[in-house]
Amino acid sequence: MTDLTPLLPLAREIVERCSAANLLVATAESCTGGLVAGTLTEIAGSSAVVDR
């Protein structure tokens, strides 16, 4: 399992900026896409900006 802790501050910033700009984030399924989506969904409120 990957330790997401170092990535959480950046994920929080992405979620906050996307929310403020009314943008959605979508990733393609892959190891990288899954890691990005998994990291973003660790942030409370991310469901408002993470589309898939």
C-alpha atoms as a PDB file:
ATOM      1  CA  MET A   1       0.000   0.000   0.000  1.00  0.00           C
ATOM      2  CA  THR A   2       1.249   3.483  -0.860  1.00  0.00           C
ATOM      3  CA  ASP A   3       1.592   6.074   1.902  1.00  0.00           C
ATOM      4  CA  LEU A   4      -0.475   9.010   0.659  1.00  0.00           C
ATOM      5  CA  THR A   5       0.451  11.313   3.549  1.00  0.00           C
ATOM      6  CA  PRO A   6       3.044  13.378   1.635  1.00  0.00           C
ATOM      7  CA  LEU A   7       0.538  13.964  -1.174  1.00  0.00           C
ATOM      8  CA  LEU A   8      -2.399  15.113   0.954  1.00  0.00           C
ATOM      9  CA  PRO A   9      -1.485  18.834   1.152  1.00  0.00           C
ATOM     10  CA  LEU A  10      -1.316  19.006  -2.653  1.00  0.00           C
ATOM     11  CA  ALA A  11      -4.542  17.005  -2.983  1.00  0.00           C
ATOM     12  CA  ARG A  12      -6.271  19.410  -0.589  1.00  0.00           C
ATOM     13  CA  GLU A  13      -5.090  22.376  -2.660  1.00  0.00           C
ATOM     14  CA  ILE A  14      -6.316  20.766  -5.884  1.00  0.00           C
ATOM     15  CA  VAL A  15      -9.741  20.063  -4.376  1.00  0.00           C
ATOM     16  CA  GLU A  16     -10.029  23.604  -2.995  1.00  0.00           C
ATOM     17  CA  ARG A  17      -8.959  25.263  -6.258  1.00  0.00           C
ATOM     18  CA  CYS A  18     -11.206  23.096  -8.401  1.00  0.00           C
ATOM     19  CA  SER A  19     -14.120  23.739  -6.095  1.00  0.00           C
ATOM     20  CA  ALA A  20     -13.555  27.501  -6.203  1.00  0.00           C
ATOM     21  CA  ALA A  21     -13.325  27.445 -10.008  1.00  0.00           C
ATOM     22  CA  ASN A  22     -16.288  25.045 -10.488  1.00  0.00           C
ATOM     23  CA  LEU A  23     -14.028  22.482 -12.183  1.00  0.00           C
ATOM     24  CA  LEU A  24     -14.247  18.690 -12.125  1.00  0.00           C
ATOM     25  CA  VAL A  25     -11.373  16.213 -12.034  1.00  0.00           C
ATOM     26  CA  ALA A  26     -11.554  12.961 -13.991  1.00  0.00           C
ATOM     27  CA  THR A  27      -8.870  10.281 -14.237  1.00  0.00           C
ATOM     28  CA  ALA A  28      -8.461   7.280 -16.492  1.00  0.00           C
ATOM     29  CA  GLU A  29      -8.174   3.924 -14.774  1.00  0.00           C
ATOM     30  CA  SER A  30      -4.572   2.911 -14.423  1.00  0.00           C
ATOM     31  CA  CYS A  31      -2.078   2.686 -11.603  1.00  0.00           C
ATOM     32  CA  THR A  32      -1.447   6.423 -11.840  1.00  0.00           C
ATOM     33  CA  GLY A  33      -5.109   7.367 -12.335  1.00  0.00           C
ATOM     34  CA  GLY A  34      -6.106   5.205  -9.394  1.00  0.00           C
ATOM     35  CA  LEU A  35      -3.458   6.771  -7.180  1.00  0.00           C
ATOM     36  CA  VAL A  36      -4.551  10.295  -8.147  1.00  0.00           C
ATOM     37  CA  ALA A  37      -8.232   9.523  -7.562  1.00  0.00           C
ATOM     38  CA  GLY A  38      -7.467   7.696  -4.322  1.00  0.00           C
ATOM     39  CA  THR A  39      -5.424  10.593  -3.013  1.00  0.00           C
ATOM     40  CA  LEU A  40      -8.033  13.192  -3.932  1.00  0.00           C
ATOM     41  CA  THR A  41     -10.839  11.209  -2.315  1.00  0.00           C
ATOM     42  CA  GLU A  42      -8.956  11.227   0.985  1.00  0.00           C
ATOM     43  CA  ILE A  43      -9.888  14.931   1.201  1.00  0.00           C
ATOM     44  CA  ALA A  44     -13.241  15.791   2.803  1.00  0.00           C
ATOM     45  CA  GLY A  45     -15.555  17.367   0.242  1.00  0.00           C
ATOM     46  CA  SER A  46     -13.680  15.965  -2.740  1.00  0.00           C
ATOM     47  CA  SER A  47     -16.840  14.356  -4.118  1.00  0.00           C
ATOM     48  CA  ALA A  48     -17.849  17.837  -5.294  1.00  0.00           C
ATOM     49  CA  VAL A  49     -14.936  17.915  -7.748  1.00  0.00           C
ATOM     50  CA  VAL A  50     -13.906  14.289  -8.406  1.00  0.00           C
ATOM     51  CA  ASP A  51     -16.063  13.105 -11.280  1.00  0.00           C
ATOM     52  CA  ARG A  52     -14.500   9.695 -11.975  1.00  0.00           C
END
